[in-house]
Protein backbone atom coordinates (compact mmCIF):
# COMPACT_ATOMS: atom_id res chain seq x y z
CA UNK A 1 173.70 178.38 122.20
CA UNK A 2 175.65 175.27 121.04
CA UNK A 3 175.35 172.71 123.80
CA UNK A 4 178.33 170.61 122.34
CA UNK A 5 180.54 173.60 122.40
CA UNK A 6 179.47 174.33 126.08
CA UNK A 7 180.44 170.83 127.04
CA UNK A 8 183.86 171.22 125.44
CA UNK A 9 184.47 174.52 127.14
CA UNK A 10 183.36 173.08 130.51
CA UNK A 11 185.55 169.89 130.07
CA UNK A 12 188.59 172.01 129.12
CA UNK A 13 187.98 174.14 132.26
CA UNK A 14 187.96 171.00 134.41
CA UNK A 15 191.17 169.59 132.78
CA UNK A 16 192.98 172.94 133.34
CA UNK A 17 192.57 172.37 137.11
CA UNK A 18 192.85 168.55 137.39
CA UNK A 19 194.00 168.42 141.02
CA UNK A 20 191.42 170.80 142.19
CA UNK A 21 188.63 168.94 140.24
CA UNK A 22 189.77 165.59 141.69
CA UNK A 23 189.71 166.91 145.11
CA UNK A 24 186.24 168.32 144.54
CA UNK A 25 185.13 165.01 143.31
CA UNK A 26 186.41 163.11 146.23
CA UNK A 27 183.26 163.65 148.40
CA UNK A 28 181.12 162.45 145.57
CA UNK A 29 183.34 159.44 144.91
CA UNK A 30 183.30 158.34 148.57
CA UNK A 31 179.57 159.08 148.93
CA UNK A 32 178.53 156.98 145.75
CA UNK A 33 180.92 154.16 146.78
CA UNK A 34 179.52 154.01 150.25
CA UNK A 35 175.89 154.08 149.09
CA UNK A 36 176.52 151.28 146.57
CA UNK A 37 178.44 149.13 149.06
CA UNK A 38 175.84 149.69 151.84
CA UNK A 39 172.93 148.84 149.46
CA UNK A 40 174.78 145.74 148.22
CA UNK A 41 175.45 144.58 151.84
CA UNK A 42 171.85 145.32 152.79
CA UNK A 43 170.37 143.51 149.79
CA UNK A 44 172.73 140.58 150.20
CA UNK A 45 171.80 140.20 153.92
CA UNK A 46 168.13 140.29 153.03
CA UNK A 47 168.49 137.63 150.32
CA UNK A 48 170.74 135.57 152.66
CA UNK A 49 168.08 135.67 155.49
CA UNK A 50 165.30 134.71 153.00
CA UNK A 51 167.36 131.78 151.70
CA UNK A 52 168.41 130.53 155.09
CA UNK A 53 164.86 130.66 156.52
CA UNK A 54 163.43 129.17 153.36
CA UNK A 55 165.88 126.31 153.67
CA UNK A 56 164.15 125.34 156.95
CA UNK A 57 161.06 124.76 154.90
CA UNK A 58 159.67 127.45 152.64
CA UNK A 59 155.98 126.64 153.42
CA UNK A 60 156.55 125.67 157.00
CA UNK A 61 154.07 126.54 159.65
CA UNK A 62 154.89 126.10 163.35
CA UNK A 63 152.39 125.74 166.24
CA UNK A 64 153.95 126.29 169.72
CA UNK A 65 152.46 125.99 173.11
CA UNK A 66 151.84 129.22 175.06
CA UNK A 67 149.93 132.41 174.35
CA UNK A 68 151.54 134.64 171.80
CA UNK A 69 155.03 133.55 172.61
CA UNK A 70 157.98 133.28 170.34
CA UNK A 71 161.04 131.12 170.88
CA UNK A 72 163.08 132.44 173.78
CA UNK A 73 160.10 133.85 175.62
CA UNK A 74 159.62 133.04 179.28
CA UNK A 75 156.96 130.36 179.93
CA UNK A 76 155.71 128.49 182.90
CA UNK A 77 155.49 124.70 182.97
CA UNK A 78 151.62 124.59 182.31
CA UNK A 79 151.87 126.81 179.28
CA UNK A 80 154.34 124.39 177.63
CA UNK A 81 152.11 121.51 177.95
CA UNK A 82 149.02 122.69 175.98
CA UNK A 83 149.75 120.82 172.80
CA UNK A 84 148.83 117.15 172.57
CA UNK A 85 148.80 114.43 170.07
CA UNK A 86 144.95 114.98 169.69
CA UNK A 87 145.80 118.45 168.20
CA UNK A 88 148.20 116.74 165.71
CA UNK A 89 145.49 114.28 164.78
CA UNK A 90 142.94 117.06 164.36
CA UNK A 91 145.17 119.17 162.04
CA UNK A 92 146.17 116.04 160.08
CA UNK A 93 142.49 114.97 159.49
CA UNK A 94 140.59 118.28 159.28
CA UNK A 95 143.01 120.64 157.49
CA UNK A 96 142.58 121.28 153.70
CA UNK A 97 145.44 123.76 153.31
CA UNK A 98 148.17 121.72 155.10
CA UNK A 99 149.91 119.20 152.99
CA UNK A 100 152.03 117.59 155.72
CA UNK A 101 151.80 117.64 159.51
CA UNK A 102 154.15 116.28 162.12
CA UNK A 103 154.35 116.45 165.97
CA UNK A 104 157.79 117.53 167.22
CA UNK A 105 159.50 116.82 170.68
CA UNK A 106 163.15 117.18 171.45
CA UNK A 107 165.66 116.60 174.23
CA UNK A 108 169.39 117.09 174.63
CA UNK A 109 171.93 114.57 175.97
CA UNK A 110 174.98 112.48 175.33
CA UNK A 111 175.01 110.07 172.19
CA UNK A 112 177.54 107.16 172.28
CA UNK A 113 178.83 104.92 169.59
CA UNK A 114 181.60 102.57 170.76
CA UNK A 115 184.25 104.67 172.36
CA UNK A 116 183.08 107.92 170.83
CA UNK A 117 180.52 110.21 172.52
CA UNK A 118 178.93 113.49 171.44
CA UNK A 119 176.59 115.89 173.09
CA UNK A 120 173.66 116.51 170.77
CA UNK A 121 169.82 116.78 170.50
CA UNK A 122 167.30 114.15 169.68
CA UNK A 123 164.13 115.11 167.80
CA UNK A 124 160.91 112.98 167.78
CA UNK A 125 158.89 113.56 164.64
CA UNK A 126 156.67 111.82 162.12
CA UNK A 127 158.16 110.58 158.82
CA UNK A 128 156.56 113.62 157.02
CA UNK A 129 158.98 115.91 159.02
CA UNK A 130 161.50 115.61 156.30
CA UNK A 131 159.01 116.79 153.58
CA UNK A 132 158.02 119.74 155.77
CA UNK A 133 161.70 120.73 156.24
CA UNK A 134 162.56 120.01 152.58
CA UNK A 135 165.25 117.71 153.75
CA UNK A 136 166.60 114.56 152.12
CA UNK A 137 168.28 111.35 153.19
CA UNK A 138 171.81 111.01 151.86
CA UNK A 139 172.05 107.30 152.61
CA UNK A 140 169.71 104.72 154.10
CA UNK A 141 166.10 105.58 154.74
CA UNK A 142 163.66 107.41 157.07
CA UNK A 143 161.55 105.52 159.60
CA UNK A 144 157.92 104.63 158.71
CA UNK A 145 154.48 105.19 160.29
CA UNK A 146 154.70 101.51 161.38
CA UNK A 147 157.89 102.34 163.30
CA UNK A 148 156.02 105.18 164.98
CA UNK A 149 153.18 102.87 165.93
CA UNK A 150 155.59 100.23 167.38
CA UNK A 151 157.74 102.85 169.18
CA UNK A 152 160.70 101.40 167.35
CA UNK A 153 164.14 102.22 168.48
CA UNK A 154 165.42 103.44 165.04
CA UNK A 155 167.05 106.80 164.18
CA UNK A 156 168.27 108.95 161.32
CA UNK A 157 171.37 111.03 162.15
CA UNK A 158 172.72 114.28 160.83
CA UNK A 159 176.17 114.71 159.27
CA UNK A 160 177.60 116.33 162.37
CA UNK A 161 176.61 113.44 164.48
CA UNK A 162 178.01 111.00 162.02
CA UNK A 163 181.37 112.69 161.85
CA UNK A 164 181.71 112.83 165.64
CA UNK A 165 180.55 109.26 166.37
CA UNK A 166 181.98 107.33 163.42
CA UNK A 167 185.25 107.22 161.57
CA UNK A 168 185.30 108.42 157.93
CA UNK A 169 185.67 104.79 156.56
CA UNK A 170 182.81 103.38 158.63
CA UNK A 171 179.18 103.29 157.23
CA UNK A 172 176.84 104.14 160.19
CA UNK A 173 173.83 102.40 158.61
CA UNK A 174 173.00 99.39 160.69
CA UNK A 175 175.17 100.45 163.54
CA UNK A 176 173.83 101.00 167.02
CA UNK A 177 174.17 104.31 168.93
CA UNK A 178 172.93 105.01 172.50
CA UNK A 179 171.17 108.11 173.65
CA UNK A 180 170.28 108.46 177.37
CA UNK A 181 170.96 104.71 177.73
CA UNK A 182 168.44 103.80 175.10
CA UNK A 183 170.00 102.01 172.01
CA UNK A 184 168.89 103.14 168.56
CA UNK A 185 169.67 101.42 165.35
CA UNK A 186 170.89 103.97 162.67
CA UNK A 187 168.86 103.48 159.49
CA UNK A 188 169.80 106.66 157.65
CA UNK A 189 171.98 109.67 157.38
CA UNK A 190 170.50 113.14 156.51
CA UNK A 191 171.83 115.34 153.78
CA UNK A 192 173.95 118.25 154.98
CA UNK A 193 172.02 121.48 155.67
CA UNK A 194 174.63 123.64 157.48
CA UNK A 195 173.88 126.53 159.90
CA UNK A 196 170.55 128.27 159.87
CA UNK A 197 169.93 132.15 160.21
CA UNK A 198 170.38 131.87 164.00
CA UNK A 199 173.69 130.16 163.75
CA UNK A 200 172.38 126.82 164.85
CA UNK A 201 174.02 123.66 163.26
CA UNK A 202 171.03 121.91 161.57
CA UNK A 203 173.16 118.81 161.06
CA UNK A 204 173.76 118.17 164.79
CA UNK A 205 170.67 116.11 165.15
CA UNK A 206 169.28 112.58 165.80
CA UNK A 207 165.89 112.06 164.33
CA UNK A 208 163.58 109.26 165.70
CA UNK A 209 159.89 108.45 165.73
CA UNK A 210 158.02 110.80 168.08
CA UNK A 211 156.34 108.04 169.97
CA UNK A 212 159.81 106.54 170.89
CA UNK A 213 161.25 109.84 172.02
CA UNK A 214 158.08 110.73 174.04
CA UNK A 215 157.78 107.41 175.84
CA UNK A 216 161.33 106.02 176.07
CA UNK A 217 163.41 109.33 176.38
CA UNK A 218 161.35 112.10 177.62
CA UNK A 219 158.46 110.32 179.47
CA UNK A 220 155.92 112.92 178.56
CA UNK A 221 152.59 113.12 176.76
CA UNK A 222 152.66 116.75 175.53
CA UNK A 223 154.25 118.11 172.44
CA UNK A 224 156.78 120.98 172.19
CA UNK A 225 155.39 121.94 168.89
CA UNK A 226 153.54 120.81 165.73
CA UNK A 227 155.15 121.60 162.34
CA UNK A 228 153.28 121.59 159.10
CA UNK A 229 153.67 122.75 155.50
CA UNK A 230 151.06 124.62 153.60
CA UNK A 231 149.90 123.42 150.16
CA UNK A 232 151.76 126.43 148.67
CA UNK A 233 153.50 129.63 149.81
CA UNK A 234 150.56 131.69 148.56
CA UNK A 235 148.16 129.81 150.80
CA UNK A 236 150.36 129.93 153.97
CA UNK A 237 148.10 132.76 155.46
CA UNK A 238 144.88 130.76 154.82
CA UNK A 239 146.54 127.66 156.26
CA UNK A 240 147.43 129.58 159.50
CA UNK A 241 143.88 130.80 159.93
CA UNK A 242 142.46 127.35 159.24
CA UNK A 243 144.86 125.71 161.66
CA UNK A 244 144.06 128.39 164.24
CA UNK A 245 140.29 127.59 163.89
CA UNK A 246 140.81 123.85 164.24
CA UNK A 247 142.98 124.15 167.37
CA UNK A 248 140.62 126.71 168.95
CA UNK A 249 137.79 124.16 168.54
CA UNK A 250 140.03 121.26 169.80
CA UNK A 251 141.13 123.39 172.89
CA UNK A 252 137.47 124.61 173.40
CA UNK A 253 138.70 128.18 173.52
CA UNK A 254 135.87 130.81 173.84
CA UNK A 255 135.83 134.08 171.93
CA UNK A 256 136.67 136.12 175.06
CA UNK A 257 139.68 133.82 175.82
CA UNK A 258 143.18 134.12 174.66
CA UNK A 259 144.62 131.17 172.72
CA UNK A 260 146.97 128.83 174.68
CA UNK A 261 148.99 128.36 171.50
CA UNK A 262 150.52 130.51 168.80
CA UNK A 263 151.00 129.84 165.10
CA UNK A 264 153.70 131.40 162.85
CA UNK A 265 154.62 130.86 159.19
CA UNK A 266 158.08 131.14 157.53
CA UNK A 267 156.71 134.03 155.52
CA UNK A 268 155.94 136.00 158.75
CA UNK A 269 159.43 135.36 159.96
CA UNK A 270 160.99 136.25 156.55
CA UNK A 271 158.96 139.46 156.56
CA UNK A 272 159.97 140.32 160.14
CA UNK A 273 163.70 139.90 159.43
CA UNK A 274 163.45 141.55 156.02
CA UNK A 275 161.88 144.66 157.49
CA UNK A 276 164.58 144.83 160.05
CA UNK A 277 167.24 144.46 157.43
CA UNK A 278 165.63 147.18 155.31
CA UNK A 279 165.62 149.59 158.27
CA UNK A 280 169.33 149.01 158.92
CA UNK A 281 170.10 149.44 155.19
CA UNK A 282 168.26 152.70 155.11
CA UNK A 283 170.12 153.91 158.19
CA UNK A 284 173.51 152.93 156.67
CA UNK A 285 172.68 154.54 153.31
CA UNK A 286 171.51 157.74 155.13
CA UNK A 287 174.87 157.87 156.92
CA UNK A 288 176.80 157.13 153.68
CA UNK A 289 174.72 159.88 151.96
CA UNK A 290 176.32 162.61 154.22
CA UNK A 291 179.47 162.26 152.04
CA UNK A 292 177.35 163.13 148.95
CA UNK A 293 176.10 166.37 150.75
CA UNK A 294 179.67 167.17 151.66
CA UNK A 295 180.77 166.50 148.05
CA UNK A 296 177.96 168.81 146.90
CA UNK A 297 179.00 171.60 149.13
CA UNK A 298 182.57 171.16 147.77
CA UNK A 299 181.24 171.47 144.24
CA UNK A 300 179.37 174.64 145.17
CA UNK A 301 182.57 176.11 146.83
CA UNK A 302 184.76 175.32 143.86
CA UNK A 303 182.27 176.71 141.35
CA UNK A 304 182.16 180.00 143.30
CA UNK A 305 186.00 180.15 143.10
CA UNK A 306 185.86 179.31 139.41
CA UNK A 307 183.38 182.14 138.72
CA UNK A 308 185.55 184.56 140.63
CA UNK A 309 188.72 183.46 138.78
CA UNK A 310 187.05 183.68 135.36
CA UNK A 311 185.04 186.92 135.83
CA UNK A 312 187.08 188.63 133.18
CA UNK A 313 186.53 185.67 130.72
CA UNK A 314 182.82 185.79 131.39
CA UNK A 315 182.74 189.60 130.74
CA UNK A 316 184.72 188.97 127.42
CA UNK A 317 182.33 186.26 126.25
CA UNK A 318 179.27 188.48 127.05
CA UNK A 319 180.85 191.47 125.20
CA UNK A 320 181.10 189.28 122.05
CA UNK A 321 177.49 188.18 122.23
CA UNK A 322 177.14 185.34 124.70
CA UNK A 323 173.84 185.60 126.52
CA UNK A 324 173.18 184.97 130.26
CA UNK A 325 171.52 181.51 129.68
CA UNK A 326 174.60 180.37 127.76
CA UNK A 327 176.91 181.43 130.55
CA UNK A 328 174.63 179.77 133.12
CA UNK A 329 174.52 176.54 131.15
CA UNK A 330 178.34 176.56 130.76
CA UNK A 331 178.88 176.59 134.46
CA UNK A 332 175.97 174.30 135.17
CA UNK A 333 177.39 171.74 132.78
CA UNK A 334 180.81 172.06 134.36
CA UNK A 335 179.31 171.40 137.80
CA UNK A 336 177.35 168.38 136.53
CA UNK A 337 180.35 166.98 134.75
CA UNK A 338 182.44 167.13 137.98
CA UNK A 339 179.63 165.45 139.78
CA UNK A 340 179.04 162.70 137.19
CA UNK A 341 182.69 161.98 136.76
CA UNK A 342 183.00 161.58 140.58
CA UNK A 343 179.88 159.33 140.32
CA UNK A 344 181.48 157.04 137.72
CA UNK A 345 184.71 156.74 139.70
CA UNK A 346 182.54 156.15 142.79
CA UNK A 347 180.57 153.32 141.19
CA UNK A 348 183.86 151.60 140.33
CA UNK A 349 185.18 152.20 143.83
CA UNK A 350 181.83 150.85 145.23
CA UNK A 351 182.00 147.66 143.08
CA UNK A 352 185.65 147.16 144.20
CA UNK A 353 184.69 147.61 147.87
CA UNK A 354 181.69 145.21 147.49
CA UNK A 355 183.93 142.68 145.94
CA UNK A 356 186.49 143.02 148.80
CA UNK A 357 183.80 142.68 151.45
CA UNK A 358 182.35 139.60 149.74
CA UNK A 359 185.79 137.94 149.22
CA UNK A 360 187.63 138.90 152.40
CA UNK A 361 184.87 139.23 154.96
CA UNK A 362 182.69 136.48 153.20
CA UNK A 363 179.59 138.63 153.62
CA UNK A 364 176.55 138.06 151.35
CA UNK A 365 176.36 141.01 148.87
CA UNK A 366 173.92 141.76 146.02
CA UNK A 367 174.70 144.78 143.74
CA UNK A 368 171.52 145.83 141.95
CA UNK A 369 171.27 147.89 138.84
CA UNK A 370 168.82 150.09 140.59
CA UNK A 371 171.50 151.21 143.19
CA UNK A 372 173.79 152.27 140.29
CA UNK A 373 171.02 154.11 138.42
CA UNK A 374 169.98 155.91 141.64
CA UNK A 375 173.53 156.88 142.33
CA UNK A 376 173.89 158.45 138.84
CA UNK A 377 170.63 160.31 139.34
CA UNK A 378 171.71 161.55 142.72
CA UNK A 379 175.04 162.81 141.23
CA UNK A 380 173.14 164.68 138.45
CA UNK A 381 170.82 166.26 140.96
CA UNK A 382 173.72 167.12 143.26
CA UNK A 383 175.58 168.73 140.30
CA UNK A 384 172.58 170.72 139.26
CA UNK A 385 171.42 171.69 142.80
CA UNK A 386 174.88 172.76 144.05
CA UNK A 387 176.04 174.30 140.74
CA UNK A 388 172.88 176.35 140.06
CA UNK A 389 173.60 179.33 142.34
CA UNK A 390 177.21 179.94 141.28
CA UNK A 391 176.15 179.43 137.60
CA UNK A 392 173.30 181.92 138.06
CA UNK A 393 175.63 184.47 139.69
CA UNK A 394 178.02 184.09 136.69
CA UNK A 395 175.18 184.63 134.23
CA UNK A 396 174.01 187.76 136.11
CA UNK A 397 177.34 189.50 135.91
CA UNK A 398 177.45 192.92 134.21
CA UNK A 399 179.68 192.65 131.19
CA UNK A 400 181.43 196.05 131.74
CA UNK A 401 182.07 195.36 135.45
CA UNK A 402 183.37 191.90 134.56
CA UNK A 403 185.76 193.24 132.01
CA UNK A 404 187.19 195.72 134.57
CA UNK A 405 187.53 192.96 137.27
CA UNK A 406 191.13 192.36 138.27
């Protein structure tokens, strides 16, 4: 049994019926292209989510007021006032696994510079907030701990605020803006960050000392949240446990009581979004794989027809010495060749579709070598699985009956 000859015979049989073979491949082509495109979109989305969340601060840990609450949850007024400056001081002094710690308060309102005004948000934080968020200052400088102590009316603004309050040819450094009737001297402009994962413009911000915002703007003594960064990403989990212990002690929470705060790390958020993205990718791939099953059924159907059409040829080959295994292998190779050829064309179509999605729709995509390898493996398995039974029927034909077949 010469395998090379069997490949030649199988390939010639496919070329004799080009149109039929191409139509048979169509299901495989569409299936493989769909699987590659869906996996590329899924992987691209997952990487984009990780990148966007990490841009907010890869090691960032957030402490929020309220028991087991995430942003957007319903809270009563008392549950929003459980974090105090004493909690910030305790974390800053006692923690071994937190590199930077900053209190955070914020409010929304109208900012004014000359005749221009812009609705934005003002955030009160410590100077270390920029290190936690991995954010830089494009021009000017950040306020200092001394500014915090003095409740200085100084601010650093984001690019969106700068563009809406000042003309392009005007340097905002040293200029005065007003927020809620309070004048602030602009001492710096933040580097551009763009939108985050939730579609929020990170550059639409005024950053000022937390003491100034708490006393002069919000007139409150509680914090919305405390943000911190762990020493490293690997120690984020340990840092969360340590911070939880410190705050439980500060809040005098007993073992039988529920914490009146909640802590989350960026890694937890990334993990949550990644698992959701993976589930959606699996669902999309499962739907796309239906085309492969349809293509496989098409291969089985066409191989049945081929066996019927070439019954006399099979009988002739058997009469001159061809054994059953050789006949089986011939039709099996033909089935696999149809499937693999469809797979190759499907890969090219999938790469083209991925490029179009990335270019036209501007979606994040990431084609992995694994998706291509898996597609080829699936094509081979499909060819063998759906081609086996027709090939076996061909091999089991009686030579005399086959020669008499009309």
